[in-house]
Amino acid sequence: HASREFYIGKLEGKECVVVQCGVGK
């Protein structure tokens, strides 16, 4: 989404989504 990769899965049993945002506001 919006030229970014979002990783969806379980971490420590919790539903999570992880993304690297890039530099700047």
PDB file of all heavy atoms in Angstrom:
ATOM      1  N   HIS A   1       0.863  -1.184   0.000  1.00  0.00           N
ATOM      2  CA  HIS A   1       0.000   0.000   0.000  1.00  0.00           C
ATOM      3  C   HIS A   1       0.898   1.233   0.000  1.00  0.00           C
ATOM      4  O   HIS A   1       1.912   1.274   0.709  1.00  0.00           O
ATOM      5  CB  HIS A   1      -0.895   0.037   1.244  1.00  0.00           C
ATOM      6  CG  HIS A   1      -1.745  -1.173   1.431  1.00  0.00           C
ATOM      7  ND1 HIS A   1      -2.883  -1.400   0.689  1.00  0.00           N
ATOM      8  CD2 HIS A   1      -1.612  -2.224   2.280  1.00  0.00           C
ATOM      9  CE1 HIS A   1      -3.420  -2.541   1.074  1.00  0.00           C
ATOM     10  NE2 HIS A   1      -2.676  -3.056   2.037  1.00  0.00           N
ATOM     11  N   ALA A   2       0.531   2.234  -0.781  1.00  0.00           N
ATOM     12  CA  ALA A   2       1.258   3.512  -0.805  1.00  0.00           C
ATOM     13  C   ALA A   2       2.763   3.298  -0.999  1.00  0.00           C
ATOM     14  O   ALA A   2       3.585   3.943  -0.340  1.00  0.00           O
ATOM     15  CB  ALA A   2       0.986   4.298   0.475  1.00  0.00           C
ATOM     16  N   SER A   3       3.099   2.366  -1.899  1.00  0.00           N
ATOM     17  CA  SER A   3       4.497   2.070  -2.251  1.00  0.00           C
ATOM     18  C   SER A   3       5.310   1.498  -1.096  1.00  0.00           C
ATOM     19  O   SER A   3       6.540   1.544  -1.109  1.00  0.00           O
ATOM     20  CB  SER A   3       5.203   3.322  -2.790  1.00  0.00           C
ATOM     21  OG  SER A   3       4.539   3.829  -3.921  1.00  0.00           O
ATOM     22  N   ARG A   4       4.624   0.913  -0.103  1.00  0.00           N
ATOM     23  CA  ARG A   4       5.304   0.295   1.028  1.00  0.00           C
ATOM     24  C   ARG A   4       4.840  -1.132   1.208  1.00  0.00           C
ATOM     25  O   ARG A   4       3.701  -1.469   0.874  1.00  0.00           O
ATOM     26  CB  ARG A   4       5.019   1.086   2.323  1.00  0.00           C
ATOM     27  CG  ARG A   4       5.726   2.403   2.380  1.00  0.00           C
ATOM     28  CD  ARG A   4       5.042   3.376   3.307  1.00  0.00           C
ATOM     29  NE  ARG A   4       5.790   4.617   3.382  1.00  0.00           N
ATOM     30  CZ  ARG A   4       5.782   5.548   2.420  1.00  0.00           C
ATOM     31  NH1 ARG A   4       5.047   5.377   1.323  1.00  0.00           N
ATOM     32  NH2 ARG A   4       6.491   6.648   2.548  1.00  0.00           N
ATOM     33  N   GLU A   5       5.723  -1.950   1.753  1.00  0.00           N
ATOM     34  CA  GLU A   5       5.381  -3.334   2.034  1.00  0.00           C
ATOM     35  C   GLU A   5       4.996  -3.477   3.502  1.00  0.00           C
ATOM     36  O   GLU A   5       5.738  -3.058   4.394  1.00  0.00           O
ATOM     37  CB  GLU A   5       6.558  -4.253   1.707  1.00  0.00           C
ATOM     38  CG  GLU A   5       6.847  -4.329   0.208  1.00  0.00           C
ATOM     39  CD  GLU A   5       7.967  -5.294  -0.123  1.00  0.00           C
ATOM     40  OE1 GLU A   5       8.812  -5.565   0.763  1.00  0.00           O
ATOM     41  OE2 GLU A   5       7.999  -5.785  -1.270  1.00  0.00           O
ATOM     42  N   PHE A   6       3.825  -4.048   3.726  1.00  0.00           N
ATOM     43  CA  PHE A   6       3.306  -4.278   5.066  1.00  0.00           C
ATOM     44  C   PHE A   6       3.296  -5.785   5.321  1.00  0.00           C
ATOM     45  O   PHE A   6       2.699  -6.543   4.545  1.00  0.00           O
ATOM     46  CB  PHE A   6       1.898  -3.692   5.207  1.00  0.00           C
ATOM     47  CG  PHE A   6       1.871  -2.191   5.150  1.00  0.00           C
ATOM     48  CD1 PHE A   6       1.977  -1.520   3.934  1.00  0.00           C
ATOM     49  CD2 PHE A   6       1.754  -1.440   6.313  1.00  0.00           C
ATOM     50  CE1 PHE A   6       1.966  -0.134   3.875  1.00  0.00           C
ATOM     51  CE2 PHE A   6       1.751  -0.045   6.260  1.00  0.00           C
ATOM     52  CZ  PHE A   6       1.854   0.603   5.049  1.00  0.00           C
ATOM     53  N   TYR A   7       3.946  -6.193   6.409  1.00  0.00           N
ATOM     54  CA  TYR A   7       4.073  -7.612   6.745  1.00  0.00           C
ATOM     55  C   TYR A   7       3.056  -7.947   7.825  1.00  0.00           C
ATOM     56  O   TYR A   7       3.088  -7.377   8.916  1.00  0.00           O
ATOM     57  CB  TYR A   7       5.494  -7.922   7.198  1.00  0.00           C
ATOM     58  CG  TYR A   7       6.511  -7.644   6.117  1.00  0.00           C
ATOM     59  CD1 TYR A   7       7.114  -6.394   6.016  1.00  0.00           C
ATOM     60  CD2 TYR A   7       6.825  -8.612   5.169  1.00  0.00           C
ATOM     61  CE1 TYR A   7       8.029  -6.123   4.999  1.00  0.00           C
ATOM     62  CE2 TYR A   7       7.736  -8.356   4.152  1.00  0.00           C
ATOM     63  CZ  TYR A   7       8.327  -7.109   4.080  1.00  0.00           C
ATOM     64  OH  TYR A   7       9.221  -6.844   3.063  1.00  0.00           O
ATOM     65  N   ILE A   8       2.160  -8.860   7.516  1.00  0.00           N
ATOM     66  CA  ILE A   8       1.058  -9.208   8.407  1.00  0.00           C
ATOM     67  C   ILE A   8       1.238 -10.637   8.889  1.00  0.00           C
ATOM     68  O   ILE A   8       1.498 -11.549   8.097  1.00  0.00           O
ATOM     69  CB  ILE A   8      -0.303  -9.070   7.682  1.00  0.00           C
ATOM     70  CG1 ILE A   8      -0.457  -7.667   7.093  1.00  0.00           C
ATOM     71  CG2 ILE A   8      -1.460  -9.385   8.630  1.00  0.00           C
ATOM     72  CD1 ILE A   8      -0.162  -7.589   5.622  1.00  0.00           C
ATOM     73  N   GLY A   9       1.105 -10.828  10.189  1.00  0.00           N
ATOM     74  CA  GLY A   9       1.233 -12.162  10.760  1.00  0.00           C
ATOM     75  C   GLY A   9       1.130 -12.108  12.267  1.00  0.00           C
ATOM     76  O   GLY A   9       0.669 -11.103  12.833  1.00  0.00           O
ATOM     77  N   LYS A  10       1.599 -13.169  12.924  1.00  0.00           N
ATOM     78  CA  LYS A  10       1.565 -13.226  14.384  1.00  0.00           C
ATOM     79  C   LYS A  10       2.968 -13.100  14.943  1.00  0.00           C
ATOM     80  O   LYS A  10       3.904 -13.748  14.477  1.00  0.00           O
ATOM     81  CB  LYS A  10       0.940 -14.542  14.857  1.00  0.00           C
ATOM     82  CG  LYS A  10      -0.568 -14.587  14.733  1.00  0.00           C
ATOM     83  CD  LYS A  10      -1.136 -15.803  15.452  1.00  0.00           C
ATOM     84  CE  LYS A  10      -2.661 -15.782  15.440  1.00  0.00           C
ATOM     85  NZ  LYS A  10      -3.224 -16.937  16.186  1.00  0.00           N
ATOM     86  N   LEU A  11       3.098 -12.233  15.956  1.00  0.00           N
ATOM     87  CA  LEU A  11       4.329 -12.086  16.719  1.00  0.00           C
ATOM     88  C   LEU A  11       4.003 -12.312  18.186  1.00  0.00           C
ATOM     89  O   LEU A  11       3.108 -11.648  18.724  1.00  0.00           O
ATOM     90  CB  LEU A  11       4.915 -10.685  16.545  1.00  0.00           C
ATOM     91  CG  LEU A  11       5.944 -10.446  15.441  1.00  0.00           C
ATOM     92  CD1 LEU A  11       6.236  -8.959  15.308  1.00  0.00           C
ATOM     93  CD2 LEU A  11       7.214 -11.223  15.707  1.00  0.00           C
ATOM     94  N   GLU A  12       4.680 -13.261  18.790  1.00  0.00           N
ATOM     95  CA  GLU A  12       4.418 -13.587  20.195  1.00  0.00           C
ATOM     96  C   GLU A  12       2.925 -13.819  20.433  1.00  0.00           C
ATOM     97  O   GLU A  12       2.367 -13.431  21.459  1.00  0.00           O
ATOM     98  CB  GLU A  12       4.944 -12.481  21.120  1.00  0.00           C
ATOM     99  CG  GLU A  12       6.415 -12.157  20.932  1.00  0.00           C
ATOM    100  CD  GLU A  12       7.336 -13.351  21.175  1.00  0.00           C
ATOM    101  OE1 GLU A  12       6.950 -14.241  21.986  1.00  0.00           O
ATOM    102  OE2 GLU A  12       8.423 -13.406  20.576  1.00  0.00           O
ATOM    103  N   GLY A  13       2.275 -14.431  19.454  1.00  0.00           N
ATOM    104  CA  GLY A  13       0.863 -14.781  19.572  1.00  0.00           C
ATOM    105  C   GLY A  13      -0.101 -13.653  19.297  1.00  0.00           C
ATOM    106  O   GLY A  13      -1.325 -13.851  19.373  1.00  0.00           O
ATOM    107  N   LYS A  14       0.387 -12.466  18.956  1.00  0.00           N
ATOM    108  CA  LYS A  14      -0.474 -11.303  18.694  1.00  0.00           C
ATOM    109  C   LYS A  14      -0.518 -11.003  17.193  1.00  0.00           C
ATOM    110  O   LYS A  14       0.486 -11.115  16.498  1.00  0.00           O
ATOM    111  CB  LYS A  14       0.047 -10.064  19.429  1.00  0.00           C
ATOM    112  CG  LYS A  14       0.242 -10.240  20.923  1.00  0.00           C
ATOM    113  CD  LYS A  14      -1.042 -10.512  21.649  1.00  0.00           C
ATOM    114  CE  LYS A  14      -0.899 -10.362  23.158  1.00  0.00           C
ATOM    115  NZ  LYS A  14       0.170 -11.191  23.765  1.00  0.00           N
ATOM    116  N   GLU A  15      -1.711 -10.652  16.711  1.00  0.00           N
ATOM    117  CA  GLU A  15      -1.852 -10.234  15.321  1.00  0.00           C
ATOM    118  C   GLU A  15      -1.176  -8.879  15.130  1.00  0.00           C
ATOM    119  O   GLU A  15      -1.504  -7.908  15.816  1.00  0.00           O
ATOM    120  CB  GLU A  15      -3.329 -10.122  14.946  1.00  0.00           C
ATOM    121  CG  GLU A  15      -4.103 -11.443  15.023  1.00  0.00           C
ATOM    122  CD  GLU A  15      -3.750 -12.378  13.879  1.00  0.00           C
ATOM    123  OE1 GLU A  15      -3.159 -11.916  12.884  1.00  0.00           O
ATOM    124  OE2 GLU A  15      -4.076 -13.578  13.980  1.00  0.00           O
ATOM    125  N   CYS A  16      -0.210  -8.832  14.210  1.00  0.00           N
ATOM    126  CA  CYS A  16       0.580  -7.619  14.017  1.00  0.00           C
ATOM    127  C   CYS A  16       0.745  -7.316  12.533  1.00  0.00           C
ATOM    128  O   CYS A  16       0.653  -8.196  11.682  1.00  0.00           O
ATOM    129  CB  CYS A  16       1.976  -7.785  14.626  1.00  0.00           C
ATOM    130  SG  CYS A  16       2.008  -7.970  16.413  1.00  0.00           S
ATOM    131  N   VAL A  17       1.031  -6.043  12.265  1.00  0.00           N
ATOM    132  CA  VAL A  17       1.449  -5.626  10.926  1.00  0.00           C
ATOM    133  C   VAL A  17       2.669  -4.730  11.106  1.00  0.00           C
ATOM    134  O   VAL A  17       2.665  -3.807  11.923  1.00  0.00           O
ATOM    135  CB  VAL A  17       0.312  -4.918  10.156  1.00  0.00           C
ATOM    136  CG1 VAL A  17      -0.283  -3.773  10.938  1.00  0.00           C
ATOM    137  CG2 VAL A  17       0.801  -4.450   8.791  1.00  0.00           C
ATOM    138  N   VAL A  18       3.728  -5.056  10.358  1.00  0.00           N
ATOM    139  CA  VAL A  18       5.019  -4.391  10.503  1.00  0.00           C
ATOM    140  C   VAL A  18       5.365  -3.680   9.199  1.00  0.00           C
ATOM    141  O   VAL A  18       5.207  -4.244   8.112  1.00  0.00           O
ATOM    142  CB  VAL A  18       6.128  -5.406  10.859  1.00  0.00           C
ATOM    143  CG1 VAL A  18       7.485  -4.712  10.966  1.00  0.00           C
ATOM    144  CG2 VAL A  18       5.799  -6.129  12.157  1.00  0.00           C
ATOM    145  N   VAL A  19       5.877  -2.446   9.313  1.00  0.00           N
ATOM    146  CA  VAL A  19       6.248  -1.688   8.118  1.00  0.00           C
ATOM    147  C   VAL A  19       7.469  -0.830   8.430  1.00  0.00           C
ATOM    148  O   VAL A  19       7.647  -0.363   9.553  1.00  0.00           O
ATOM    149  CB  VAL A  19       5.076  -0.794   7.639  1.00  0.00           C
ATOM    150  CG1 VAL A  19       4.686   0.223   8.697  1.00  0.00           C
ATOM    151  CG2 VAL A  19       5.411  -0.099   6.315  1.00  0.00           C
ATOM    152  N   GLN A  20       8.322  -0.652   7.424  1.00  0.00           N
ATOM    153  CA  GLN A  20       9.379   0.348   7.506  1.00  0.00           C
ATOM    154  C   GLN A  20       8.846   1.618   6.856  1.00  0.00           C
ATOM    155  O   GLN A  20       8.460   1.607   5.691  1.00  0.00           O
ATOM    156  CB  GLN A  20      10.646  -0.108   6.797  1.00  0.00           C
ATOM    157  CG  GLN A  20      11.780   0.904   6.941  1.00  0.00           C
ATOM    158  CD  GLN A  20      12.988   0.563   6.103  1.00  0.00           C
ATOM    159  OE1 GLN A  20      12.931  -0.320   5.259  1.00  0.00           O
ATOM    160  NE2 GLN A  20      14.079   1.267   6.315  1.00  0.00           N
ATOM    161  N   CYS A  21       8.857   2.724   7.605  1.00  0.00           N
ATOM    162  CA  CYS A  21       8.158   3.915   7.107  1.00  0.00           C
ATOM    163  C   CYS A  21       8.991   4.742   6.146  1.00  0.00           C
ATOM    164  O   CYS A  21       8.437   5.414   5.269  1.00  0.00           O
ATOM    165  CB  CYS A  21       7.677   4.784   8.259  1.00  0.00           C
ATOM    166  SG  CYS A  21       8.973   5.563   9.227  1.00  0.00           S
ATOM    167  N   GLY A  22      10.315   4.738   6.275  1.00  0.00           N
ATOM    168  CA  GLY A  22      11.137   5.655   5.510  1.00  0.00           C
ATOM    169  C   GLY A  22      11.436   6.903   6.325  1.00  0.00           C
ATOM    170  O   GLY A  22      10.874   7.117   7.399  1.00  0.00           O
ATOM    171  N   VAL A  23      12.317   7.753   5.794  1.00  0.00           N
ATOM    172  CA  VAL A  23      12.819   8.913   6.539  1.00  0.00           C
ATOM    173  C   VAL A  23      11.889  10.110   6.362  1.00  0.00           C
ATOM    174  O   VAL A  23      11.410  10.391   5.261  1.00  0.00           O
ATOM    175  CB  VAL A  23      14.235   9.277   6.063  1.00  0.00           C
ATOM    176  CG1 VAL A  23      14.740  10.537   6.773  1.00  0.00           C
ATOM    177  CG2 VAL A  23      15.191   8.118   6.302  1.00  0.00           C
ATOM    178  N   GLY A  24      11.632  10.827   7.447  1.00  0.00           N
ATOM    179  CA  GLY A  24      10.901  12.085   7.372  1.00  0.00           C
ATOM    180  C   GLY A  24       9.449  11.979   7.770  1.00  0.00           C
ATOM    181  O   GLY A  24       8.847  10.897   7.809  1.00  0.00           O
ATOM    182  N   LYS A  25       8.858  13.141   8.041  1.00  0.00           N
ATOM    183  CA  LYS A  25       7.505  13.194   8.596  1.00  0.00           C
ATOM    184  C   LYS A  25       6.433  12.744   7.603  1.00  0.00           C
ATOM    185  O   LYS A  25       5.464  12.088   7.999  1.00  0.00           O
ATOM    186  CB  LYS A  25       7.203  14.605   9.091  1.00  0.00           C
ATOM    187  CG  LYS A  25       8.060  15.031  10.275  1.00  0.00           C
ATOM    188  CD  LYS A  25       7.589  16.362  10.844  1.00  0.00           C
ATOM    189  CE  LYS A  25       7.686  17.455   9.815  1.00  0.00           C
ATOM    190  NZ  LYS A  25       7.246  18.764  10.301  1.00  0.00           N
TER     191      LYS A  25
END
